[in-house]
């Protein structure tokens, strides 16, 4: 099966790797050749690391890499049976991308967004293939995390949902189904918890080490909420909180002021070398 993954950043590369390892031909699309090359090398580095640990044979790695093609031309999406968008969280840019793909991809193609919080229905409305549009939300790191949220937009057909579930299971992931709602399931529960931990820190109720240790030992979480925020990206945490507040108009989703200050200071977590912790 031919898959188009739009976006070659951390999530896009991870999703492309998952499908390539499952035996599918994957087209990695992005705005520039430099971006697609960066995503490809990210995948190659991960696979070679698995090879060094004896988890993959050299020939297996070569075969997986051979199924990954790079492109900066959306016309290459012709023949794709599944399109997954994993670009940055901007409604207008995502919708523009899908409008273009709507005119390029074949009639049987499924269109999916990997958005973590934006409206799937809003992206789909007015497309010719609106009934074939849904959310397929992977979690970082995509090659490792088993869960995939399969999100039904307002006009997603039953057949589309069934096909998506089969695709997800076929690549070794576990799908959970949900209707569209801000933050879906995981982020609706997880991100406000992280926000509350940030508020505890901001109000000097406890140190970051104490907050994280309390949740690891008291709630049996593998990672404390502030450490997890650094891993996710503090800008992403803020973006999701702002989306939850905007969509629900519920003040319980007010982002912590400390989140805003850190994003303005460029302290976004592991990807910038500093967040709540230094890396």
Protein backbone atom coordinates (compact mmCIF):
# COMPACT_ATOMS: atom_id res chain seq x y z
CA UNK A 1 0.00 0.00 0.00
CA UNK A 2 1.20 3.51 -0.80
CA UNK A 3 1.13 5.98 2.10
CA UNK A 4 1.79 9.72 1.99
CA UNK A 5 3.03 11.27 5.23
CA UNK A 6 2.97 15.06 5.02
CA UNK A 7 5.50 16.57 7.38
CA UNK A 8 8.96 15.16 8.09
CA UNK A 9 9.50 16.39 11.64
CA UNK A 10 9.64 14.20 14.72
CA UNK A 11 6.06 12.93 14.44
CA UNK A 12 5.98 12.69 10.66
CA UNK A 13 9.26 10.77 10.52
CA UNK A 14 8.10 8.47 13.30
CA UNK A 15 4.83 7.70 11.52
CA UNK A 16 6.65 7.11 8.22
CA UNK A 17 8.99 4.68 10.00
CA UNK A 18 6.05 2.75 11.47
CA UNK A 19 4.42 2.21 8.08
CA UNK A 20 7.69 1.38 6.33
CA UNK A 21 8.54 -1.20 8.99
CA UNK A 22 5.10 -2.72 8.41
CA UNK A 23 6.01 -3.24 4.73
CA UNK A 24 4.28 -0.28 3.08
CA UNK A 25 5.73 2.14 0.54
CA UNK A 26 5.89 5.57 2.17
CA UNK A 27 6.24 8.96 0.51
CA UNK A 28 7.72 11.52 2.91
CA UNK A 29 6.51 14.96 1.84
CA UNK A 30 7.61 18.36 3.11
CA UNK A 31 8.18 21.91 1.89
CA UNK A 32 11.90 21.49 1.14
CA UNK A 33 14.34 18.72 0.30
CA UNK A 34 16.33 19.67 3.40
CA UNK A 35 13.34 18.90 5.63
CA UNK A 36 12.58 15.54 4.03
CA UNK A 37 16.28 14.60 4.17
CA UNK A 38 16.41 15.52 7.85
CA UNK A 39 13.38 13.30 8.54
CA UNK A 40 14.86 10.42 6.55
CA UNK A 41 18.17 10.61 8.42
CA UNK A 42 16.26 10.69 11.71
CA UNK A 43 14.65 7.38 10.75
CA UNK A 44 17.94 5.89 9.53
CA UNK A 45 19.63 6.81 12.81
CA UNK A 46 16.88 5.10 14.81
CA UNK A 47 16.99 1.97 12.70
CA UNK A 48 20.80 1.71 12.80
CA UNK A 49 20.60 1.99 16.57
CA UNK A 50 18.21 -0.98 16.58
CA UNK A 51 20.63 -2.81 14.33
CA UNK A 52 23.51 -2.19 16.75
CA UNK A 53 21.43 -3.61 19.59
CA UNK A 54 20.70 -6.74 17.55
CA UNK A 55 16.99 -6.04 17.26
CA UNK A 56 17.12 -5.67 13.47
CA UNK A 57 19.29 -7.33 10.86
CA UNK A 58 21.25 -5.10 8.44
CA UNK A 59 19.20 -6.39 5.50
CA UNK A 60 15.98 -5.56 7.36
CA UNK A 61 17.15 -1.99 7.91
CA UNK A 62 18.09 -1.63 4.24
CA UNK A 63 14.69 -2.98 3.18
CA UNK A 64 12.82 -0.54 5.44
CA UNK A 65 14.85 2.42 4.19
CA UNK A 66 14.24 1.37 0.57
CA UNK A 67 10.50 1.74 1.13
CA UNK A 68 10.90 5.41 2.08
CA UNK A 69 10.82 7.97 -0.72
CA UNK A 70 11.17 11.74 -0.36
CA UNK A 71 9.19 14.40 -2.21
CA UNK A 72 8.47 18.12 -2.29
CA UNK A 73 5.78 17.71 -4.98
CA UNK A 74 2.24 16.88 -3.81
CA UNK A 75 1.44 15.49 -7.26
CA UNK A 76 3.46 12.45 -6.16
CA UNK A 77 0.50 11.60 -3.89
CA UNK A 78 -1.34 10.14 -6.89
CA UNK A 79 -2.12 6.52 -6.11
CA UNK A 80 -1.89 6.93 -2.33
CA UNK A 81 -4.45 4.89 -0.39
CA UNK A 82 -3.82 6.74 2.86
CA UNK A 83 -2.65 10.30 3.55
CA UNK A 84 -1.54 11.29 7.05
CA UNK A 85 -0.80 14.93 7.80
CA UNK A 86 1.72 15.65 10.57
CA UNK A 87 2.68 19.28 9.97
CA UNK A 88 2.66 22.07 12.57
CA UNK A 89 -0.55 22.95 14.41
CA UNK A 90 -2.03 25.64 12.18
CA UNK A 91 -5.65 25.19 11.07
CA UNK A 92 -5.35 27.27 7.90
CA UNK A 93 -2.16 25.58 6.69
CA UNK A 94 -3.53 22.10 7.35
CA UNK A 95 -6.79 22.87 5.56
CA UNK A 96 -4.95 24.30 2.55
CA UNK A 97 -2.87 21.11 2.34
CA UNK A 98 -5.95 18.87 2.39
CA UNK A 99 -7.72 20.98 -0.21
CA UNK A 100 -4.82 20.34 -2.57
CA UNK A 101 -4.67 16.63 -1.77
CA UNK A 102 -8.43 16.36 -2.25
CA UNK A 103 -7.93 17.05 -5.96
CA UNK A 104 -4.86 14.81 -6.36
CA UNK A 105 -5.54 11.57 -4.50
CA UNK A 106 -7.66 8.70 -5.89
CA UNK A 107 -11.35 8.22 -4.92
CA UNK A 108 -10.61 5.41 -2.43
CA UNK A 109 -8.00 7.38 -0.47
CA UNK A 110 -8.40 7.98 3.28
CA UNK A 111 -7.40 11.43 4.57
CA UNK A 112 -6.16 11.65 8.14
CA UNK A 113 -4.76 14.35 10.38
CA UNK A 114 -2.40 13.63 13.27
CA UNK A 115 -3.45 16.82 15.06
CA UNK A 116 -3.27 16.62 18.84
CA UNK A 117 -6.15 19.00 19.54
CA UNK A 118 -7.51 20.89 16.52
CA UNK A 119 -10.95 20.29 15.02
CA UNK A 120 -10.96 17.39 12.57
CA UNK A 121 -14.41 18.42 11.32
CA UNK A 122 -13.21 21.93 10.50
CA UNK A 123 -10.41 20.54 8.33
CA UNK A 124 -12.79 18.17 6.52
CA UNK A 125 -15.77 20.43 5.87
CA UNK A 126 -16.32 21.14 2.18
CA UNK A 127 -13.86 18.57 0.86
CA UNK A 128 -15.01 16.23 -1.91
CA UNK A 129 -13.79 13.30 0.17
CA UNK A 130 -15.24 14.62 3.44
CA UNK A 131 -16.70 11.22 4.39
CA UNK A 132 -13.21 9.73 4.08
CA UNK A 133 -11.62 12.21 6.46
CA UNK A 134 -10.77 11.45 10.10
CA UNK A 135 -8.18 11.87 12.80
CA UNK A 136 -5.46 9.26 13.29
CA UNK A 137 -3.49 10.49 16.27
CA UNK A 138 -0.15 8.80 17.02
CA UNK A 139 1.84 9.45 20.17
CA UNK A 140 5.52 10.34 20.46
CA UNK A 141 7.69 8.36 19.84
CA UNK A 142 5.43 6.83 17.19
CA UNK A 143 7.56 3.68 16.58
CA UNK A 144 7.35 2.82 20.31
CA UNK A 145 3.95 3.97 21.56
CA UNK A 146 1.19 1.41 20.98
CA UNK A 147 -1.82 3.71 21.23
CA UNK A 148 -3.45 5.45 18.27
CA UNK A 149 -6.59 7.56 18.72
CA UNK A 150 -8.99 7.16 15.78
CA UNK A 151 -11.22 10.23 15.74
CA UNK A 152 -14.54 10.48 13.93
CA UNK A 153 -15.32 13.88 12.43
CA UNK A 154 -18.93 15.00 12.05
CA UNK A 155 -19.33 13.47 8.56
CA UNK A 156 -16.82 10.58 8.70
CA UNK A 157 -18.43 7.43 7.32
CA UNK A 158 -18.61 4.11 9.16
CA UNK A 159 -16.60 2.51 6.36
CA UNK A 160 -13.81 5.06 6.83
CA UNK A 161 -13.63 4.33 10.56
CA UNK A 162 -13.54 0.58 9.92
CA UNK A 163 -10.77 0.91 7.33
CA UNK A 164 -8.74 3.14 9.62
CA UNK A 165 -9.01 0.66 12.49
CA UNK A 166 -7.80 -2.13 10.21
CA UNK A 167 -4.84 0.01 9.04
CA UNK A 168 -3.87 0.80 12.63
CA UNK A 169 -4.05 -2.82 13.77
CA UNK A 170 -2.13 -3.99 10.70
CA UNK A 171 0.88 -1.86 11.72
CA UNK A 172 0.89 -3.32 15.21
CA UNK A 173 -0.82 -0.47 17.02
CA UNK A 174 -3.88 -0.47 19.28
CA UNK A 175 -6.71 1.84 18.14
CA UNK A 176 -9.13 3.56 20.50
CA UNK A 177 -12.17 5.20 18.92
CA UNK A 178 -13.62 8.53 19.95
CA UNK A 179 -15.86 11.27 18.61
CA UNK A 180 -14.34 14.66 17.94
CA UNK A 181 -13.86 16.68 21.10
CA UNK A 182 -11.14 19.18 22.06
CA UNK A 183 -8.03 17.23 23.04
CA UNK A 184 -9.75 13.91 22.23
CA UNK A 185 -9.06 11.42 25.08
CA UNK A 186 -5.43 11.44 26.17
CA UNK A 187 -4.67 15.16 25.86
CA UNK A 188 -8.03 16.12 27.38
CA UNK A 189 -6.95 14.31 30.55
CA UNK A 190 -3.15 14.57 30.42
CA UNK A 191 -2.43 18.19 29.44
CA UNK A 192 -4.58 19.84 32.16
CA UNK A 193 -2.77 17.61 34.67
CA UNK A 194 0.57 18.91 33.41
CA UNK A 195 -0.79 22.47 33.52
CA UNK A 196 -1.81 21.97 37.16
CA UNK A 197 1.72 20.74 37.98
CA UNK A 198 3.17 23.86 36.32
CA UNK A 199 0.86 26.03 38.45
CA UNK A 200 2.07 24.24 41.61
CA UNK A 201 5.62 25.10 40.62
CA UNK A 202 4.76 28.69 39.71
CA UNK A 203 3.06 29.26 43.08
CA UNK A 204 6.09 27.77 44.87
CA UNK A 205 4.02 25.06 46.52
CA UNK A 206 6.70 22.47 45.76
CA UNK A 207 9.91 22.11 43.77
CA UNK A 208 9.91 20.56 40.32
CA UNK A 209 11.75 17.52 41.71
CA UNK A 210 9.15 17.08 44.47
CA UNK A 211 6.21 17.41 42.06
CA UNK A 212 7.63 14.85 39.67
CA UNK A 213 8.65 12.43 42.41
CA UNK A 214 5.21 12.69 44.02
CA UNK A 215 3.47 11.71 40.79
CA UNK A 216 5.94 8.93 39.98
CA UNK A 217 5.68 7.34 43.41
CA UNK A 218 2.15 8.37 44.40
CA UNK A 219 0.35 7.80 41.10
CA UNK A 220 2.77 5.21 39.64
CA UNK A 221 3.48 7.41 36.62
CA UNK A 222 6.65 6.40 34.75
CA UNK A 223 7.56 10.06 34.28
CA UNK A 224 6.72 13.15 36.34
CA UNK A 225 4.42 15.77 34.71
CA UNK A 226 7.12 18.46 34.41
CA UNK A 227 9.61 16.02 32.94
CA UNK A 228 6.87 14.87 30.57
CA UNK A 229 6.17 18.48 29.56
CA UNK A 230 9.83 18.84 28.60
CA UNK A 231 9.58 15.65 26.54
CA UNK A 232 6.36 16.70 24.75
CA UNK A 233 7.48 20.30 24.22
CA UNK A 234 6.31 23.13 26.46
CA UNK A 235 5.07 25.06 23.41
CA UNK A 236 2.87 22.10 22.47
CA UNK A 237 1.49 21.86 26.01
CA UNK A 238 0.62 25.57 25.89
CA UNK A 239 -0.91 25.25 22.43
CA UNK A 240 -3.19 22.40 23.54
CA UNK A 241 -4.26 24.27 26.70
CA UNK A 242 -5.10 27.35 24.62
CA UNK A 243 -7.12 25.20 22.20
CA UNK A 244 -9.03 23.57 25.05
CA UNK A 245 -9.84 27.00 26.50
CA UNK A 246 -10.86 28.41 23.12
CA UNK A 247 -13.06 25.45 22.17
CA UNK A 248 -14.80 24.99 25.53
CA UNK A 249 -14.68 28.50 26.98
CA UNK A 250 -14.21 26.77 30.33
CA UNK A 251 -11.82 28.64 32.68
CA UNK A 252 -10.55 25.37 34.13
CA UNK A 253 -8.43 25.12 30.97
CA UNK A 254 -6.67 28.46 31.58
CA UNK A 255 -2.97 27.95 30.75
CA UNK A 256 -0.51 28.55 33.55
CA UNK A 257 1.27 31.89 33.24
CA UNK A 258 4.55 30.04 33.77
CA UNK A 259 3.91 28.05 30.58
CA UNK A 260 3.53 31.31 28.67
CA UNK A 261 6.68 32.81 30.17
CA UNK A 262 8.75 29.76 29.31
CA UNK A 263 7.55 29.66 25.71
CA UNK A 264 8.30 33.38 25.31
CA UNK A 265 11.79 32.73 26.66
CA UNK A 266 12.35 29.88 24.18
CA UNK A 267 12.60 27.29 26.96
CA UNK A 268 10.61 24.56 25.22
CA UNK A 269 12.05 21.43 26.82
CA UNK A 270 14.40 18.78 25.51
CA UNK A 271 14.30 20.03 21.91
CA UNK A 272 15.86 23.38 22.93
CA UNK A 273 18.12 21.98 25.67
CA UNK A 274 16.21 23.66 28.48
CA UNK A 275 12.71 23.54 29.92
CA UNK A 276 11.83 22.72 33.48
CA UNK A 277 15.12 20.78 33.44
CA UNK A 278 18.38 21.28 31.53
CA UNK A 279 19.51 18.75 28.91
